[in-house]
N, C-alpha and C. Protein backbone atom coordinates (compact mmCIF):
# COMPACT_ATOMS: atom_id res chain seq x y z
N MET A 1 123.00 113.79 70.94
CA MET A 1 121.82 114.20 71.10
C MET A 1 121.10 113.38 72.33
N ILE A 2 120.33 114.42 72.79
CA ILE A 2 119.47 113.85 73.92
C ILE A 2 118.23 113.24 73.50
N LYS A 3 118.01 111.91 73.95
CA LYS A 3 117.02 111.26 73.47
C LYS A 3 115.50 111.52 74.04
N LYS A 4 114.35 111.17 73.46
CA LYS A 4 113.11 111.67 74.09
C LYS A 4 112.94 111.15 75.58
N SER A 5 113.42 109.77 75.50
CA SER A 5 112.97 109.24 76.93
C SER A 5 113.82 110.35 78.06
N PHE A 6 114.78 110.69 77.60
CA PHE A 6 115.32 111.63 78.91
C PHE A 6 114.50 113.09 79.00
N TYR A 7 114.07 113.25 77.93
CA TYR A 7 112.87 114.35 78.64
C TYR A 7 111.92 113.93 79.02
N LEU A 8 111.27 112.88 78.97
CA LEU A 8 110.15 112.50 79.81
C LEU A 8 110.34 112.47 81.06
N LEU A 9 111.77 111.60 81.36
CA LEU A 9 111.96 111.52 82.67
C LEU A 9 112.36 112.93 83.34
N TRP A 10 112.70 113.89 82.69
CA TRP A 10 113.16 115.16 83.36
C TRP A 10 111.79 115.81 83.58
N GLY A 11 111.02 115.81 82.74
CA GLY A 11 109.74 116.48 83.06
C GLY A 11 108.76 115.39 83.96
N SER A 12 108.92 114.44 84.16
CA SER A 12 107.97 113.77 85.25
C SER A 12 108.84 114.00 86.50
N GLN A 13 110.08 113.96 86.65
CA GLN A 13 110.70 114.19 87.73
C GLN A 13 110.44 115.48 88.36
N THR A 14 110.44 116.75 87.54
CA THR A 14 110.17 118.05 87.73
C THR A 14 108.96 118.24 88.17
N ILE A 15 107.82 117.73 87.54
CA ILE A 15 106.68 117.65 88.04
C ILE A 15 106.28 117.16 89.50
N SER A 16 106.89 115.83 89.75
CA SER A 16 107.24 114.98 90.85
C SER A 16 107.68 116.02 91.74
N SER A 17 108.69 116.54 91.62
CA SER A 17 109.22 117.45 92.77
C SER A 17 108.36 118.49 93.17
N ILE A 18 107.93 119.35 92.30
CA ILE A 18 106.90 120.46 92.40
C ILE A 18 105.92 119.85 93.37
N ALA A 19 105.25 118.95 92.80
CA ALA A 19 104.30 118.03 93.67
C ALA A 19 104.52 117.73 95.05
N ASP A 20 105.84 117.23 95.28
CA ASP A 20 106.21 116.98 96.52
C ASP A 20 106.56 118.16 97.53
N ILE A 21 106.99 119.12 96.96
CA ILE A 21 107.18 120.41 97.89
C ILE A 21 105.83 120.87 98.17
N ILE A 22 104.60 121.23 97.22
CA ILE A 22 103.51 121.46 97.33
C ILE A 22 102.79 120.55 98.70
N TYR A 23 103.11 119.37 98.58
CA TYR A 23 102.45 118.09 99.76
C TYR A 23 103.35 118.81 100.90
N LEU A 24 104.54 118.87 100.89
CA LEU A 24 105.13 119.19 102.19
C LEU A 24 104.63 120.16 102.86
N MET A 25 104.53 121.45 102.19
CA MET A 25 104.15 122.54 102.50
C MET A 25 102.61 122.43 103.11
N THR A 26 102.02 121.76 102.77
CA THR A 26 100.59 121.38 102.94
C THR A 26 100.38 120.65 104.18
N VAL A 27 101.32 119.58 104.35
CA VAL A 27 101.26 118.87 105.66
C VAL A 27 101.70 119.69 106.65
N ILE A 28 102.62 120.38 106.43
CA ILE A 28 103.45 121.04 107.51
C ILE A 28 102.16 122.18 107.96
N SER A 29 101.64 122.94 107.12
CA SER A 29 100.49 123.71 107.52
C SER A 29 99.38 123.09 108.40
N PHE A 30 99.04 122.10 107.64
CA PHE A 30 97.79 121.33 108.12
C PHE A 30 98.08 120.63 109.56
N VAL A 31 99.42 120.31 109.90
CA VAL A 31 99.75 120.02 111.10
C VAL A 31 99.63 120.97 112.24
N PHE A 32 100.42 122.38 111.93
CA PHE A 32 100.52 123.37 112.48
C PHE A 32 99.20 123.81 112.84
N GLY A 33 98.13 123.91 111.98
CA GLY A 33 96.88 124.39 112.03
C GLY A 33 95.98 123.47 113.09
N ASN A 34 96.42 122.14 113.18
CA ASN A 34 95.48 121.48 113.88
C ASN A 34 96.18 121.38 115.47
N THR A 35 97.44 121.39 115.54
CA THR A 35 98.13 121.22 116.95
C THR A 35 98.42 122.61 117.29
N ASN A 36 98.57 123.41 116.76
CA ASN A 36 99.34 124.96 117.07
C ASN A 36 100.63 124.76 117.80
N SER A 37 101.36 123.65 117.53
CA SER A 37 102.81 123.18 118.30
C SER A 37 103.86 123.26 117.15
N LEU A 38 104.84 123.92 117.96
CA LEU A 38 105.59 124.34 116.85
C LEU A 38 106.50 122.90 116.67
N LEU A 39 106.44 122.43 117.90
CA LEU A 39 107.48 121.02 118.17
C LEU A 39 106.77 119.84 117.11
N SER A 40 105.36 119.95 117.15
CA SER A 40 104.87 118.94 116.26
C SER A 40 105.21 119.08 114.92
N THR A 41 104.87 120.43 114.59
CA THR A 41 105.13 121.11 113.11
C THR A 41 106.37 120.71 113.15
N VAL A 42 107.50 120.78 113.34
CA VAL A 42 108.96 120.46 113.21
C VAL A 42 109.35 119.06 112.96
N ILE A 43 108.67 118.43 113.80
CA ILE A 43 108.69 116.63 113.26
C ILE A 43 108.48 116.44 111.86
N VAL A 44 107.68 117.28 111.13
CA VAL A 44 107.30 116.66 109.67
C VAL A 44 108.59 116.80 109.10
N PRO A 45 109.33 117.82 108.82
CA PRO A 45 110.52 117.71 107.80
C PRO A 45 111.33 116.83 108.54
N LEU A 46 111.48 116.85 110.12
CA LEU A 46 112.60 115.92 110.68
C LEU A 46 112.34 114.56 110.04
N ILE A 47 111.00 114.04 110.17
CA ILE A 47 110.63 112.66 109.56
C ILE A 47 110.67 112.55 108.19
N ARG A 48 110.75 113.65 107.52
CA ARG A 48 110.81 113.55 106.11
C ARG A 48 112.38 113.15 105.75
N PHE A 49 113.14 114.07 106.29
CA PHE A 49 114.65 113.94 106.32
C PHE A 49 114.97 112.49 106.60
N CYS A 50 114.41 111.88 107.97
CA CYS A 50 115.24 110.55 107.92
C CYS A 50 114.69 109.64 107.11
N SER A 51 113.40 109.49 106.22
CA SER A 51 113.05 108.84 105.38
C SER A 51 113.60 108.99 103.93
N GLN A 52 113.93 110.06 103.87
CA GLN A 52 114.92 110.18 102.41
C GLN A 52 116.31 109.54 102.85
N ALA A 53 116.74 109.91 103.97
CA ALA A 53 118.02 109.36 104.44
C ALA A 53 118.31 107.86 104.30
N ILE A 54 117.25 107.11 104.79
CA ILE A 54 117.03 105.78 104.68
C ILE A 54 116.82 105.17 103.28
N SER A 55 116.19 105.87 102.65
CA SER A 55 116.05 105.61 101.17
C SER A 55 117.08 105.86 100.50
N GLY A 56 117.64 106.67 100.96
CA GLY A 56 119.21 106.82 99.99
C GLY A 56 120.34 105.63 100.31
N LEU A 57 119.99 105.10 101.53
CA LEU A 57 120.97 104.13 102.06
C LEU A 57 120.40 102.59 101.15
N VAL A 58 119.06 102.64 100.95
CA VAL A 58 118.55 101.30 100.47
C VAL A 58 118.58 101.40 98.79
N PHE A 59 118.39 102.52 98.47
CA PHE A 59 118.14 102.30 97.09
C PHE A 59 119.35 101.76 96.11
N PRO A 60 120.50 101.80 96.31
CA PRO A 60 121.61 101.05 95.68
C PRO A 60 121.14 99.53 95.52
N PHE A 61 120.92 99.18 96.56
CA PHE A 61 120.42 97.77 96.78
C PHE A 61 119.08 97.42 96.00
N VAL A 62 118.40 98.16 95.66
CA VAL A 62 117.18 98.02 95.00
C VAL A 62 117.35 98.29 93.71
N VAL A 63 118.05 99.43 93.41
CA VAL A 63 118.52 99.22 91.71
C VAL A 63 119.46 98.40 91.28
N SER A 64 120.19 97.72 92.32
CA SER A 64 120.97 96.65 91.76
C SER A 64 120.04 95.34 91.29
N ARG A 65 119.04 95.01 91.88
CA ARG A 65 118.10 93.77 91.54
C ARG A 65 117.29 94.38 90.85
N PHE A 66 116.70 95.46 90.38
CA PHE A 66 115.61 95.87 89.77
C PHE A 66 116.22 96.93 88.55
N ARG A 67 115.51 97.08 87.41
CA ARG A 67 115.71 98.25 86.29
C ARG A 67 115.55 99.76 87.08
N LEU A 68 116.11 100.50 86.79
CA LEU A 68 115.86 101.96 87.28
C LEU A 68 114.73 102.35 86.85
N SER A 69 114.24 102.20 85.61
CA SER A 69 112.94 102.68 84.94
C SER A 69 111.92 102.13 85.81
N LYS A 70 111.77 100.81 86.12
CA LYS A 70 110.76 100.32 86.72
C LYS A 70 110.80 100.75 88.19
N VAL A 71 111.84 100.89 88.81
CA VAL A 71 111.78 101.40 90.27
C VAL A 71 111.05 102.84 90.20
N LEU A 72 111.53 103.89 89.20
CA LEU A 72 111.07 105.15 89.33
C LEU A 72 109.65 105.02 88.96
N VAL A 73 109.08 104.39 88.20
CA VAL A 73 107.66 104.12 87.87
C VAL A 73 106.88 103.70 89.13
N ILE A 74 107.39 102.51 89.60
CA ILE A 74 106.57 101.95 90.75
C ILE A 74 106.61 102.94 92.02
N ALA A 75 107.66 103.52 92.07
CA ALA A 75 107.70 104.75 93.41
C ALA A 75 106.79 106.04 92.99
N GLN A 76 106.82 106.53 91.70
CA GLN A 76 106.02 107.52 91.50
C GLN A 76 104.50 107.03 91.70
N LEU A 77 104.25 105.97 91.22
CA LEU A 77 102.63 105.45 91.23
C LEU A 77 102.28 105.26 92.64
N SER A 78 103.33 104.39 93.47
CA SER A 78 102.80 104.23 94.83
C SER A 78 102.72 105.44 95.81
N GLN A 79 103.47 106.53 95.34
CA GLN A 79 103.59 107.79 96.01
C GLN A 79 101.91 108.44 95.77
N PHE A 80 101.65 108.43 94.43
CA PHE A 80 100.51 108.89 94.11
C PHE A 80 99.12 108.14 94.53
N SER A 81 99.54 106.94 94.65
CA SER A 81 98.07 106.02 95.11
C SER A 81 97.93 106.47 96.69
N ILE A 82 99.18 106.51 97.29
CA ILE A 82 99.08 107.02 98.99
C ILE A 82 98.47 108.61 98.97
N PHE A 83 99.05 109.30 98.51
CA PHE A 83 98.25 110.65 98.28
C PHE A 83 97.06 110.77 98.02
N SER A 84 96.64 109.87 97.00
CA SER A 84 95.00 109.86 96.63
C SER A 84 94.31 109.22 97.69
N CYS A 85 94.77 108.04 98.34
CA CYS A 85 94.26 107.44 99.68
C CYS A 85 93.99 108.75 100.68
N LEU A 86 95.03 109.10 100.99
CA LEU A 86 95.15 110.43 101.89
C LEU A 86 93.96 111.40 101.64
N MET A 87 93.98 111.67 100.49
CA MET A 87 92.93 112.89 100.17
C MET A 87 91.30 112.14 100.09
N ILE A 88 91.23 111.08 99.75
CA ILE A 88 89.92 110.25 99.94
C ILE A 88 89.45 110.15 101.32
N TYR A 89 90.48 109.70 102.09
CA TYR A 89 90.07 109.55 103.73
C TYR A 89 89.92 110.93 104.01
N TYR A 90 90.58 112.02 103.78
CA TYR A 90 90.12 113.40 104.71
C TYR A 90 89.06 113.76 103.98
N PHE A 91 88.79 113.23 102.61
CA PHE A 91 87.25 113.96 102.00
C PHE A 91 86.07 113.42 102.67
N PHE A 92 86.25 112.12 102.98
CA PHE A 92 85.02 111.22 103.74
C PHE A 92 84.74 111.60 105.33
N SER A 93 86.29 111.62 106.01
CA SER A 93 86.15 111.87 107.72
C SER A 93 86.33 113.21 107.69
N GLY A 94 87.07 114.07 107.27
CA GLY A 94 86.93 115.57 107.53
C GLY A 94 88.23 115.71 108.49
N SER A 95 89.11 114.81 108.69
CA SER A 95 90.20 114.87 109.64
C SER A 95 90.92 113.83 109.49
N ILE A 96 92.31 114.04 109.75
CA ILE A 96 93.19 112.78 109.51
C ILE A 96 93.99 112.84 110.92
N PRO A 97 93.91 111.64 111.20
CA PRO A 97 94.77 111.53 112.82
C PRO A 97 96.11 111.81 112.38
N LEU A 98 97.10 112.55 113.35
CA LEU A 98 98.21 112.62 113.03
C LEU A 98 99.44 111.68 113.06
N THR A 99 98.86 110.67 114.01
CA THR A 99 99.65 109.50 114.02
C THR A 99 99.52 108.85 112.20
N ILE A 100 98.50 108.63 111.66
CA ILE A 100 98.61 108.34 110.27
C ILE A 100 99.17 109.05 109.28
N LEU A 101 99.07 110.56 109.65
CA LEU A 101 99.74 111.37 108.81
C LEU A 101 101.34 111.21 108.68
N PHE A 102 101.67 111.14 110.14
CA PHE A 102 103.36 111.00 110.14
C PHE A 102 103.87 109.77 109.94
N LEU A 103 103.07 108.57 109.63
CA LEU A 103 103.53 107.19 109.16
C LEU A 103 103.48 107.60 107.69
N LEU A 104 102.65 108.36 107.07
CA LEU A 104 102.39 108.42 105.72
C LEU A 104 103.52 109.41 105.34
N ILE A 105 104.09 110.37 106.05
CA ILE A 105 104.99 111.25 105.82
C ILE A 105 106.29 110.24 105.43
N PHE A 106 106.37 109.32 106.61
CA PHE A 106 107.76 108.58 106.66
C PHE A 106 107.85 107.77 105.43
N PHE A 107 106.80 107.15 104.67
CA PHE A 107 106.91 106.50 103.66
C PHE A 107 106.69 107.50 102.35
C-alpha cells in the first residue's frame, strides 16, 4: 500500500515540474522579446541543460551526506525564493538585466 508521504511527494513534484515548465517558457519569451535574437534565446535552454547535467553529477554526493527529504525541501524552497526575488526585482525596476537572468537560470 502506498503511504500518504508518497502522494505528498508526488503532488509537490508534479506542481514543481509544471511551474518549472511555465518558468522556462516565460524566460525564453522574455529573452526573445527583449533581444529579438535567436542566439540569445537558444542560450537559455542550453544553460538550463548544462546546469541540470552538473546537478545530476553532484546530486549523489549531496544525497549521501543529507537525507533526501531535506534536500528536496531545501531545493524547492530555494527555487521558490529565487523566483520570488526575481519577480519582486522585476516589479520594482521594470526590467531584468540579461546577465542576472542567465545566472539565475543556471542555478
